[in-house]
Amino acid sequence: RFAGGDLDTRMRTLCRVWDRLADRKLKPRTILL
């Protein structure tokens, strides 16, 4: 979920979170940005 703010910043945050989850071998159900 994206709500407000700069979309490019939100997408960079998404990639950072996604990479951290992959390193921990965790699968997300929901990511709230």
PDB file of all heavy atoms in Angstrom:
ATOM      1  N   ARG A   1       0.838  -1.199   0.000  1.00  0.00           N
ATOM      2  CA  ARG A   1       0.000   0.000   0.000  1.00  0.00           C
ATOM      3  C   ARG A   1       0.873   1.249   0.000  1.00  0.00           C
ATOM      4  O   ARG A   1       1.771   1.401   0.827  1.00  0.00           O
ATOM      5  CB  ARG A   1      -0.920   0.016   1.222  1.00  0.00           C
ATOM      6  CG  ARG A   1      -1.886   1.219   1.238  1.00  0.00           C
ATOM      7  CD  ARG A   1      -2.575   1.350   2.572  1.00  0.00           C
ATOM      8  NE  ARG A   1      -3.327   0.154   2.898  1.00  0.00           N
ATOM      9  CZ  ARG A   1      -3.799  -0.107   4.119  1.00  0.00           C
ATOM     10  NH1 ARG A   1      -3.567   0.739   5.125  1.00  0.00           N
ATOM     11  NH2 ARG A   1      -4.482  -1.215   4.333  1.00  0.00           N
ATOM     12  N   PHE A   2       0.573   2.140  -0.962  1.00  0.00           N
ATOM     13  CA  PHE A   2       1.244   3.433  -1.052  1.00  0.00           C
ATOM     14  C   PHE A   2       0.238   4.517  -0.680  1.00  0.00           C
ATOM     15  O   PHE A   2      -0.864   4.557  -1.231  1.00  0.00           O
ATOM     16  CB  PHE A   2       1.732   3.691  -2.476  1.00  0.00           C
ATOM     17  CG  PHE A   2       2.752   2.696  -2.972  1.00  0.00           C
ATOM     18  CD1 PHE A   2       2.352   1.492  -3.522  1.00  0.00           C
ATOM     19  CD2 PHE A   2       4.102   2.972  -2.903  1.00  0.00           C
ATOM     20  CE1 PHE A   2       3.280   0.580  -4.004  1.00  0.00           C
ATOM     21  CE2 PHE A   2       5.047   2.073  -3.373  1.00  0.00           C
ATOM     22  CZ  PHE A   2       4.637   0.869  -3.916  1.00  0.00           C
ATOM     23  N   ALA A   3       0.629   5.392   0.226  1.00  0.00           N
ATOM     24  CA  ALA A   3      -0.286   6.468   0.605  1.00  0.00           C
ATOM     25  C   ALA A   3       0.499   7.764   0.751  1.00  0.00           C
ATOM     26  O   ALA A   3       1.264   7.940   1.693  1.00  0.00           O
ATOM     27  CB  ALA A   3      -1.005   6.127   1.910  1.00  0.00           C
ATOM     28  N   GLY A   4       0.300   8.666  -0.192  1.00  0.00           N
ATOM     29  CA  GLY A   4       0.927   9.979  -0.115  1.00  0.00           C
ATOM     30  C   GLY A   4       2.435   9.919  -0.293  1.00  0.00           C
ATOM     31  O   GLY A   4       3.045   8.853  -0.438  1.00  0.00           O
ATOM     32  N   GLY A   5       3.045  11.077  -0.278  1.00  0.00           N
ATOM     33  CA  GLY A   5       4.482  11.167  -0.399  1.00  0.00           C
ATOM     34  C   GLY A   5       4.985  10.953  -1.814  1.00  0.00           C
ATOM     35  O   GLY A   5       4.216  10.681  -2.739  1.00  0.00           O
ATOM     36  N   ASP A   6       6.287  11.057  -1.963  1.00  0.00           N
ATOM     37  CA  ASP A   6       6.924  10.889  -3.262  1.00  0.00           C
ATOM     38  C   ASP A   6       6.986   9.408  -3.623  1.00  0.00           C
ATOM     39  O   ASP A   6       7.503   8.585  -2.853  1.00  0.00           O
ATOM     40  CB  ASP A   6       8.327  11.489  -3.232  1.00  0.00           C
ATOM     41  CG  ASP A   6       9.047  11.318  -4.552  1.00  0.00           C
ATOM     42  OD1 ASP A   6       8.600  11.903  -5.554  1.00  0.00           O
ATOM     43  OD2 ASP A   6      10.046  10.581  -4.570  1.00  0.00           O
ATOM     44  N   LEU A   7       6.467   9.066  -4.804  1.00  0.00           N
ATOM     45  CA  LEU A   7       6.386   7.661  -5.206  1.00  0.00           C
ATOM     46  C   LEU A   7       7.771   7.045  -5.354  1.00  0.00           C
ATOM     47  O   LEU A   7       7.988   5.887  -4.960  1.00  0.00           O
ATOM     48  CB  LEU A   7       5.603   7.531  -6.509  1.00  0.00           C
ATOM     49  CG  LEU A   7       5.382   6.113  -7.030  1.00  0.00           C
ATOM     50  CD1 LEU A   7       4.628   5.272  -6.020  1.00  0.00           C
ATOM     51  CD2 LEU A   7       4.639   6.141  -8.366  1.00  0.00           C
ATOM     52  N   ASP A   8       8.728   7.777  -5.904  1.00  0.00           N
ATOM     53  CA  ASP A   8      10.071   7.227  -6.077  1.00  0.00           C
ATOM     54  C   ASP A   8      10.708   6.885  -4.732  1.00  0.00           C
ATOM     55  O   ASP A   8      11.391   5.862  -4.586  1.00  0.00           O
ATOM     56  CB  ASP A   8      10.948   8.218  -6.839  1.00  0.00           C
ATOM     57  CG  ASP A   8      10.534   8.346  -8.298  1.00  0.00           C
ATOM     58  OD1 ASP A   8       9.946   7.387  -8.825  1.00  0.00           O
ATOM     59  OD2 ASP A   8      10.784   9.410  -8.902  1.00  0.00           O
ATOM     60  N   THR A   9      10.494   7.748  -3.731  1.00  0.00           N
ATOM     61  CA  THR A   9      11.016   7.467  -2.388  1.00  0.00           C
ATOM     62  C   THR A   9      10.373   6.223  -1.822  1.00  0.00           C
ATOM     63  O   THR A   9      11.052   5.369  -1.224  1.00  0.00           O
ATOM     64  CB  THR A   9      10.762   8.665  -1.455  1.00  0.00           C
ATOM     65  OG1 THR A   9      11.394   9.824  -1.987  1.00  0.00           O
ATOM     66  CG2 THR A   9      11.296   8.386  -0.063  1.00  0.00           C
ATOM     67  N   ARG A  10       9.069   6.095  -2.000  1.00  0.00           N
ATOM     68  CA  ARG A  10       8.354   4.906  -1.512  1.00  0.00           C
ATOM     69  C   ARG A  10       8.883   3.638  -2.181  1.00  0.00           C
ATOM     70  O   ARG A  10       9.023   2.593  -1.548  1.00  0.00           O
ATOM     71  CB  ARG A  10       6.859   5.048  -1.785  1.00  0.00           C
ATOM     72  CG  ARG A  10       6.195   6.258  -1.180  1.00  0.00           C
ATOM     73  CD  ARG A  10       5.979   6.110   0.305  1.00  0.00           C
ATOM     74  NE  ARG A  10       5.196   7.211   0.844  1.00  0.00           N
ATOM     75  CZ  ARG A  10       4.915   7.378   2.132  1.00  0.00           C
ATOM     76  NH1 ARG A  10       5.376   6.500   3.011  1.00  0.00           N
ATOM     77  NH2 ARG A  10       4.195   8.402   2.550  1.00  0.00           N
ATOM     78  N   MET A  11       9.184   3.713  -3.459  1.00  0.00           N
ATOM     79  CA  MET A  11       9.667   2.532  -4.169  1.00  0.00           C
ATOM     80  C   MET A  11      11.068   2.141  -3.704  1.00  0.00           C
ATOM     81  O   MET A  11      11.386   0.941  -3.601  1.00  0.00           O
ATOM     82  CB  MET A  11       9.643   2.784  -5.676  1.00  0.00           C
ATOM     83  CG  MET A  11       8.250   2.793  -6.264  1.00  0.00           C
ATOM     84  SD  MET A  11       8.267   2.870  -8.066  1.00  0.00           S
ATOM     85  CE  MET A  11       6.506   2.803  -8.412  1.00  0.00           C
ATOM     86  N   ARG A  12      11.906   3.118  -3.409  1.00  0.00           N
ATOM     87  CA  ARG A  12      13.225   2.796  -2.870  1.00  0.00           C
ATOM     88  C   ARG A  12      13.097   2.114  -1.514  1.00  0.00           C
ATOM     89  O   ARG A  12      13.841   1.167  -1.199  1.00  0.00           O
ATOM     90  CB  ARG A  12      14.073   4.067  -2.768  1.00  0.00           C
ATOM     91  CG  ARG A  12      14.560   4.587  -4.115  1.00  0.00           C
ATOM     92  CD  ARG A  12      15.663   5.629  -3.921  1.00  0.00           C
ATOM     93  NE  ARG A  12      15.143   6.840  -3.295  1.00  0.00           N
ATOM     94  CZ  ARG A  12      14.651   7.877  -3.970  1.00  0.00           C
ATOM     95  NH1 ARG A  12      14.582   7.842  -5.290  1.00  0.00           N
ATOM     96  NH2 ARG A  12      14.220   8.947  -3.341  1.00  0.00           N
ATOM     97  N   THR A  13      12.158   2.602  -0.713  1.00  0.00           N
ATOM     98  CA  THR A  13      11.898   1.969   0.582  1.00  0.00           C
ATOM     99  C   THR A  13      11.400   0.540   0.383  1.00  0.00           C
ATOM    100  O   THR A  13      11.814  -0.382   1.098  1.00  0.00           O
ATOM    101  CB  THR A  13      10.861   2.776   1.373  1.00  0.00           C
ATOM    102  OG1 THR A  13      11.336   4.102   1.578  1.00  0.00           O
ATOM    103  CG2 THR A  13      10.571   2.126   2.726  1.00  0.00           C
ATOM    104  N   LEU A  14      10.526   0.347  -0.599  1.00  0.00           N
ATOM    105  CA  LEU A  14      10.015  -0.993  -0.886  1.00  0.00           C
ATOM    106  C   LEU A  14      11.162  -1.947  -1.222  1.00  0.00           C
ATOM    107  O   LEU A  14      11.216  -3.082  -0.711  1.00  0.00           O
ATOM    108  CB  LEU A  14       9.022  -0.933  -2.048  1.00  0.00           C
ATOM    109  CG  LEU A  14       8.530  -2.281  -2.587  1.00  0.00           C
ATOM    110  CD1 LEU A  14       7.779  -3.057  -1.516  1.00  0.00           C
ATOM    111  CD2 LEU A  14       7.650  -2.071  -3.824  1.00  0.00           C
ATOM    112  N   CYS A  15      12.078  -1.527  -2.067  1.00  0.00           N
ATOM    113  CA  CYS A  15      13.196  -2.390  -2.452  1.00  0.00           C
ATOM    114  C   CYS A  15      14.094  -2.698  -1.251  1.00  0.00           C
ATOM    115  O   CYS A  15      14.573  -3.831  -1.103  1.00  0.00           O
ATOM    116  CB  CYS A  15      14.004  -1.738  -3.563  1.00  0.00           C
ATOM    117  SG  CYS A  15      13.340  -2.068  -5.208  1.00  0.00           S
ATOM    118  N   ARG A  16      14.319  -1.705  -0.417  1.00  0.00           N
ATOM    119  CA  ARG A  16      15.150  -1.936   0.767  1.00  0.00           C
ATOM    120  C   ARG A  16      14.517  -2.973   1.691  1.00  0.00           C
ATOM    121  O   ARG A  16      15.201  -3.899   2.168  1.00  0.00           O
ATOM    122  CB  ARG A  16      15.351  -0.609   1.509  1.00  0.00           C
ATOM    123  CG  ARG A  16      16.208  -0.715   2.754  1.00  0.00           C
ATOM    124  CD  ARG A  16      16.615   0.675   3.239  1.00  0.00           C
ATOM    125  NE  ARG A  16      15.454   1.537   3.424  1.00  0.00           N
ATOM    126  CZ  ARG A  16      14.716   1.558   4.539  1.00  0.00           C
ATOM    127  NH1 ARG A  16      15.014   0.746   5.542  1.00  0.00           N
ATOM    128  NH2 ARG A  16      13.696   2.382   4.652  1.00  0.00           N
ATOM    129  N   VAL A  17      13.207  -2.845   1.908  1.00  0.00           N
ATOM    130  CA  VAL A  17      12.494  -3.797   2.762  1.00  0.00           C
ATOM    131  C   VAL A  17      12.478  -5.175   2.109  1.00  0.00           C
ATOM    132  O   VAL A  17      12.722  -6.196   2.774  1.00  0.00           O
ATOM    133  CB  VAL A  17      11.059  -3.300   3.026  1.00  0.00           C
ATOM    134  CG1 VAL A  17      10.236  -4.372   3.727  1.00  0.00           C
ATOM    135  CG2 VAL A  17      11.084  -2.023   3.854  1.00  0.00           C
ATOM    136  N   TRP A  18      12.211  -5.205   0.817  1.00  0.00           N
ATOM    137  CA  TRP A  18      12.120  -6.482   0.101  1.00  0.00           C
ATOM    138  C   TRP A  18      13.454  -7.236   0.169  1.00  0.00           C
ATOM    139  O   TRP A  18      13.490  -8.454   0.372  1.00  0.00           O
ATOM    140  CB  TRP A  18      11.715  -6.233  -1.349  1.00  0.00           C
ATOM    141  CG  TRP A  18      10.990  -7.376  -1.990  1.00  0.00           C
ATOM    142  CD1 TRP A  18      11.534  -8.544  -2.429  1.00  0.00           C
ATOM    143  CD2 TRP A  18       9.603  -7.474  -2.260  1.00  0.00           C
ATOM    144  NE1 TRP A  18      10.576  -9.362  -2.956  1.00  0.00           N
ATOM    145  CE2 TRP A  18       9.367  -8.727  -2.871  1.00  0.00           C
ATOM    146  CE3 TRP A  18       8.518  -6.616  -2.046  1.00  0.00           C
ATOM    147  CZ2 TRP A  18       8.101  -9.147  -3.274  1.00  0.00           C
ATOM    148  CZ3 TRP A  18       7.273  -7.032  -2.449  1.00  0.00           C
ATOM    149  CH2 TRP A  18       7.053  -8.275  -3.055  1.00  0.00           C
ATOM    150  N   ASP A  19      14.557  -6.522   0.001  1.00  0.00           N
ATOM    151  CA  ASP A  19      15.879  -7.149   0.062  1.00  0.00           C
ATOM    152  C   ASP A  19      16.173  -7.676   1.466  1.00  0.00           C
ATOM    153  O   ASP A  19      16.745  -8.773   1.622  1.00  0.00           O
ATOM    154  CB  ASP A  19      16.960  -6.147  -0.353  1.00  0.00           C
ATOM    155  CG  ASP A  19      16.934  -5.851  -1.847  1.00  0.00           C
ATOM    156  OD1 ASP A  19      16.369  -6.660  -2.603  1.00  0.00           O
ATOM    157  OD2 ASP A  19      17.457  -4.784  -2.247  1.00  0.00           O
ATOM    158  N   ARG A  20      15.800  -6.943   2.492  1.00  0.00           N
ATOM    159  CA  ARG A  20      16.030  -7.388   3.868  1.00  0.00           C
ATOM    160  C   ARG A  20      15.233  -8.648   4.169  1.00  0.00           C
ATOM    161  O   ARG A  20      15.728  -9.576   4.817  1.00  0.00           O
ATOM    162  CB  ARG A  20      15.656  -6.280   4.860  1.00  0.00           C
ATOM    163  CG  ARG A  20      16.644  -5.112   4.864  1.00  0.00           C
ATOM    164  CD  ARG A  20      16.246  -4.060   5.870  1.00  0.00           C
ATOM    165  NE  ARG A  20      16.214  -4.599   7.235  1.00  0.00           N
ATOM    166  CZ  ARG A  20      15.877  -3.868   8.307  1.00  0.00           C
ATOM    167  NH1 ARG A  20      15.525  -2.588   8.148  1.00  0.00           N
ATOM    168  NH2 ARG A  20      15.873  -4.416   9.508  1.00  0.00           N
ATOM    169  N   LEU A  21      13.998  -8.674   3.687  1.00  0.00           N
ATOM    170  CA  LEU A  21      13.177  -9.871   3.894  1.00  0.00           C
ATOM    171  C   LEU A  21      13.770 -11.068   3.166  1.00  0.00           C
ATOM    172  O   LEU A  21      13.779 -12.200   3.690  1.00  0.00           O
ATOM    173  CB  LEU A  21      11.753  -9.613   3.421  1.00  0.00           C
ATOM    174  CG  LEU A  21      10.943  -8.597   4.225  1.00  0.00           C
ATOM    175  CD1 LEU A  21       9.615  -8.294   3.526  1.00  0.00           C
ATOM    176  CD2 LEU A  21      10.683  -9.099   5.637  1.00  0.00           C
ATOM    177  N   ALA A  22      14.259 -10.849   1.958  1.00  0.00           N
ATOM    178  CA  ALA A  22      14.859 -11.947   1.193  1.00  0.00           C
ATOM    179  C   ALA A  22      16.108 -12.476   1.897  1.00  0.00           C
ATOM    180  O   ALA A  22      16.344 -13.702   1.936  1.00  0.00           O
ATOM    181  CB  ALA A  22      15.201 -11.465  -0.211  1.00  0.00           C
ATOM    182  N   ASP A  23      16.917 -11.568   2.479  1.00  0.00           N
ATOM    183  CA  ASP A  23      18.106 -12.007   3.214  1.00  0.00           C
ATOM    184  C   ASP A  23      17.727 -12.881   4.403  1.00  0.00           C
ATOM    185  O   ASP A  23      18.468 -13.818   4.760  1.00  0.00           O
ATOM    186  CB  ASP A  23      18.907 -10.793   3.691  1.00  0.00           C
ATOM    187  CG  ASP A  23      19.554 -10.039   2.534  1.00  0.00           C
ATOM    188  OD1 ASP A  23      19.688 -10.638   1.444  1.00  0.00           O
ATOM    189  OD2 ASP A  23      19.887  -8.848   2.716  1.00  0.00           O
ATOM    190  N   ARG A  24      16.591 -12.606   5.018  1.00  0.00           N
ATOM    191  CA  ARG A  24      16.137 -13.381   6.177  1.00  0.00           C
ATOM    192  C   ARG A  24      15.252 -14.559   5.789  1.00  0.00           C
ATOM    193  O   ARG A  24      14.738 -15.264   6.648  1.00  0.00           O
ATOM    194  CB  ARG A  24      15.352 -12.465   7.127  1.00  0.00           C
ATOM    195  CG  ARG A  24      16.157 -11.282   7.654  1.00  0.00           C
ATOM    196  CD  ARG A  24      15.299 -10.432   8.569  1.00  0.00           C
ATOM    197  NE  ARG A  24      15.995  -9.216   8.965  1.00  0.00           N
ATOM    198  CZ  ARG A  24      15.473  -8.297   9.784  1.00  0.00           C
ATOM    199  NH1 ARG A  24      14.256  -8.474  10.301  1.00  0.00           N
ATOM    200  NH2 ARG A  24      16.174  -7.219  10.102  1.00  0.00           N
ATOM    201  N   LYS A  25      15.072 -14.717   4.451  1.00  0.00           N
ATOM    202  CA  LYS A  25      14.226 -15.794   3.924  1.00  0.00           C
ATOM    203  C   LYS A  25      12.794 -15.705   4.474  1.00  0.00           C
ATOM    204  O   LYS A  25      12.164 -16.698   4.839  1.00  0.00           O
ATOM    205  CB  LYS A  25      14.826 -17.170   4.245  1.00  0.00           C
ATOM    206  CG  LYS A  25      16.199 -17.388   3.618  1.00  0.00           C
ATOM    207  CD  LYS A  25      16.678 -18.787   3.852  1.00  0.00           C
ATOM    208  CE  LYS A  25      18.058 -19.071   3.274  1.00  0.00           C
ATOM    209  NZ  LYS A  25      18.538 -18.246   2.201  1.00  0.00           N
ATOM    210  N   LEU A  26      12.287 -14.498   4.542  1.00  0.00           N
ATOM    211  CA  LEU A  26      10.936 -14.239   5.006  1.00  0.00           C
ATOM    212  C   LEU A  26      10.078 -13.786   3.822  1.00  0.00           C
ATOM    213  O   LEU A  26      10.546 -13.049   2.945  1.00  0.00           O
ATOM    214  CB  LEU A  26      10.914 -13.159   6.091  1.00  0.00           C
ATOM    215  CG  LEU A  26      11.661 -13.495   7.384  1.00  0.00           C
ATOM    216  CD1 LEU A  26      11.703 -12.274   8.297  1.00  0.00           C
ATOM    217  CD2 LEU A  26      11.005 -14.677   8.104  1.00  0.00           C
ATOM    218  N   LYS A  27       8.829 -14.205   3.826  1.00  0.00           N
ATOM    219  CA  LYS A  27       7.907 -13.826   2.767  1.00  0.00           C
ATOM    220  C   LYS A  27       6.860 -12.870   3.317  1.00  0.00           C
ATOM    221  O   LYS A  27       6.167 -13.201   4.287  1.00  0.00           O
ATOM    222  CB  LYS A  27       7.230 -15.059   2.188  1.00  0.00           C
ATOM    223  CG  LYS A  27       8.180 -16.002   1.466  1.00  0.00           C
ATOM    224  CD  LYS A  27       7.427 -17.184   0.863  1.00  0.00           C
ATOM    225  CE  LYS A  27       8.384 -18.104   0.110  1.00  0.00           C
ATOM    226  NZ  LYS A  27       7.672 -19.268  -0.486  1.00  0.00           N
ATOM    227  N   PRO A  28       6.697 -11.700   2.707  1.00  0.00           N
ATOM    228  CA  PRO A  28       5.705 -10.749   3.213  1.00  0.00           C
ATOM    229  C   PRO A  28       4.296 -11.094   2.728  1.00  0.00           C
ATOM    230  O   PRO A  28       4.114 -11.676   1.666  1.00  0.00           O
ATOM    231  CB  PRO A  28       6.173  -9.423   2.623  1.00  0.00           C
ATOM    232  CG  PRO A  28       6.815  -9.817   1.325  1.00  0.00           C
ATOM    233  CD  PRO A  28       7.466 -11.153   1.569  1.00  0.00           C
ATOM    234  N   ARG A  29       3.330 -10.723   3.542  1.00  0.00           N
ATOM    235  CA  ARG A  29       1.937 -10.774   3.113  1.00  0.00           C
ATOM    236  C   ARG A  29       1.458  -9.380   2.730  1.00  0.00           C
ATOM    237  O   ARG A  29       0.794  -9.182   1.720  1.00  0.00           O
ATOM    238  CB  ARG A  29       1.063 -11.349   4.240  1.00  0.00           C
ATOM    239  CG  ARG A  29      -0.455 -11.223   4.028  1.00  0.00           C
ATOM    240  CD  ARG A  29      -0.919 -11.968   2.803  1.00  0.00           C
ATOM    241  NE  ARG A  29      -0.684 -13.395   2.919  1.00  0.00           N
ATOM    242  CZ  ARG A  29      -0.972 -14.268   1.961  1.00  0.00           C
ATOM    243  NH1 ARG A  29      -1.462 -13.841   0.813  1.00  0.00           N
ATOM    244  NH2 ARG A  29      -0.733 -15.541   2.130  1.00  0.00           N
ATOM    245  N   THR A  30       1.835  -8.407   3.564  1.00  0.00           N
ATOM    246  CA  THR A  30       1.446  -7.023   3.320  1.00  0.00           C
ATOM    247  C   THR A  30       2.602  -6.099   3.691  1.00  0.00           C
ATOM    248  O   THR A  30       3.256  -6.305   4.712  1.00  0.00           O
ATOM    249  CB  THR A  30       0.208  -6.626   4.148  1.00  0.00           C
ATOM    250  OG1 THR A  30      -0.857  -7.521   3.867  1.00  0.00           O
ATOM    251  CG2 THR A  30      -0.236  -5.210   3.824  1.00  0.00           C
ATOM    252  N   ILE A  31       2.838  -5.112   2.850  1.00  0.00           N
ATOM    253  CA  ILE A  31       3.816  -4.065   3.150  1.00  0.00           C
ATOM    254  C   ILE A  31       3.088  -2.733   3.068  1.00  0.00           C
ATOM    255  O   ILE A  31       2.493  -2.395   2.030  1.00  0.00           O
ATOM    256  CB  ILE A  31       4.998  -4.084   2.163  1.00  0.00           C
ATOM    257  CG1 ILE A  31       5.722  -5.436   2.222  1.00  0.00           C
ATOM    258  CG2 ILE A  31       5.963  -2.942   2.457  1.00  0.00           C
ATOM    259  CD1 ILE A  31       6.844  -5.573   1.216  1.00  0.00           C
ATOM    260  N   LEU A  32       3.134  -1.990   4.176  1.00  0.00           N
ATOM    261  CA  LEU A  32       2.435  -0.703   4.238  1.00  0.00           C
ATOM    262  C   LEU A  32       3.457   0.428   4.161  1.00  0.00           C
ATOM    263  O   LEU A  32       4.285   0.602   5.074  1.00  0.00           O
ATOM    264  CB  LEU A  32       1.629  -0.598   5.538  1.00  0.00           C
ATOM    265  CG  LEU A  32       0.617  -1.732   5.783  1.00  0.00           C
ATOM    266  CD1 LEU A  32      -0.076  -1.528   7.132  1.00  0.00           C
ATOM    267  CD2 LEU A  32      -0.401  -1.793   4.667  1.00  0.00           C
ATOM    268  N   LEU A  33       3.407   1.164   3.076  1.00  0.00           N
ATOM    269  CA  LEU A  33       4.266   2.338   2.893  1.00  0.00           C
ATOM    270  C   LEU A  33       3.393   3.581   3.016  1.00  0.00           C
ATOM    271  O   LEU A  33       3.249   4.368   2.089  1.00  0.00           O
ATOM    272  CB  LEU A  33       4.946   2.287   1.523  1.00  0.00           C
ATOM    273  CG  LEU A  33       5.811   1.045   1.251  1.00  0.00           C
ATOM    274  CD1 LEU A  33       6.217   0.984  -0.210  1.00  0.00           C
ATOM    275  CD2 LEU A  33       7.043   1.045   2.151  1.00  0.00           C
TER     276      LEU A  33
END
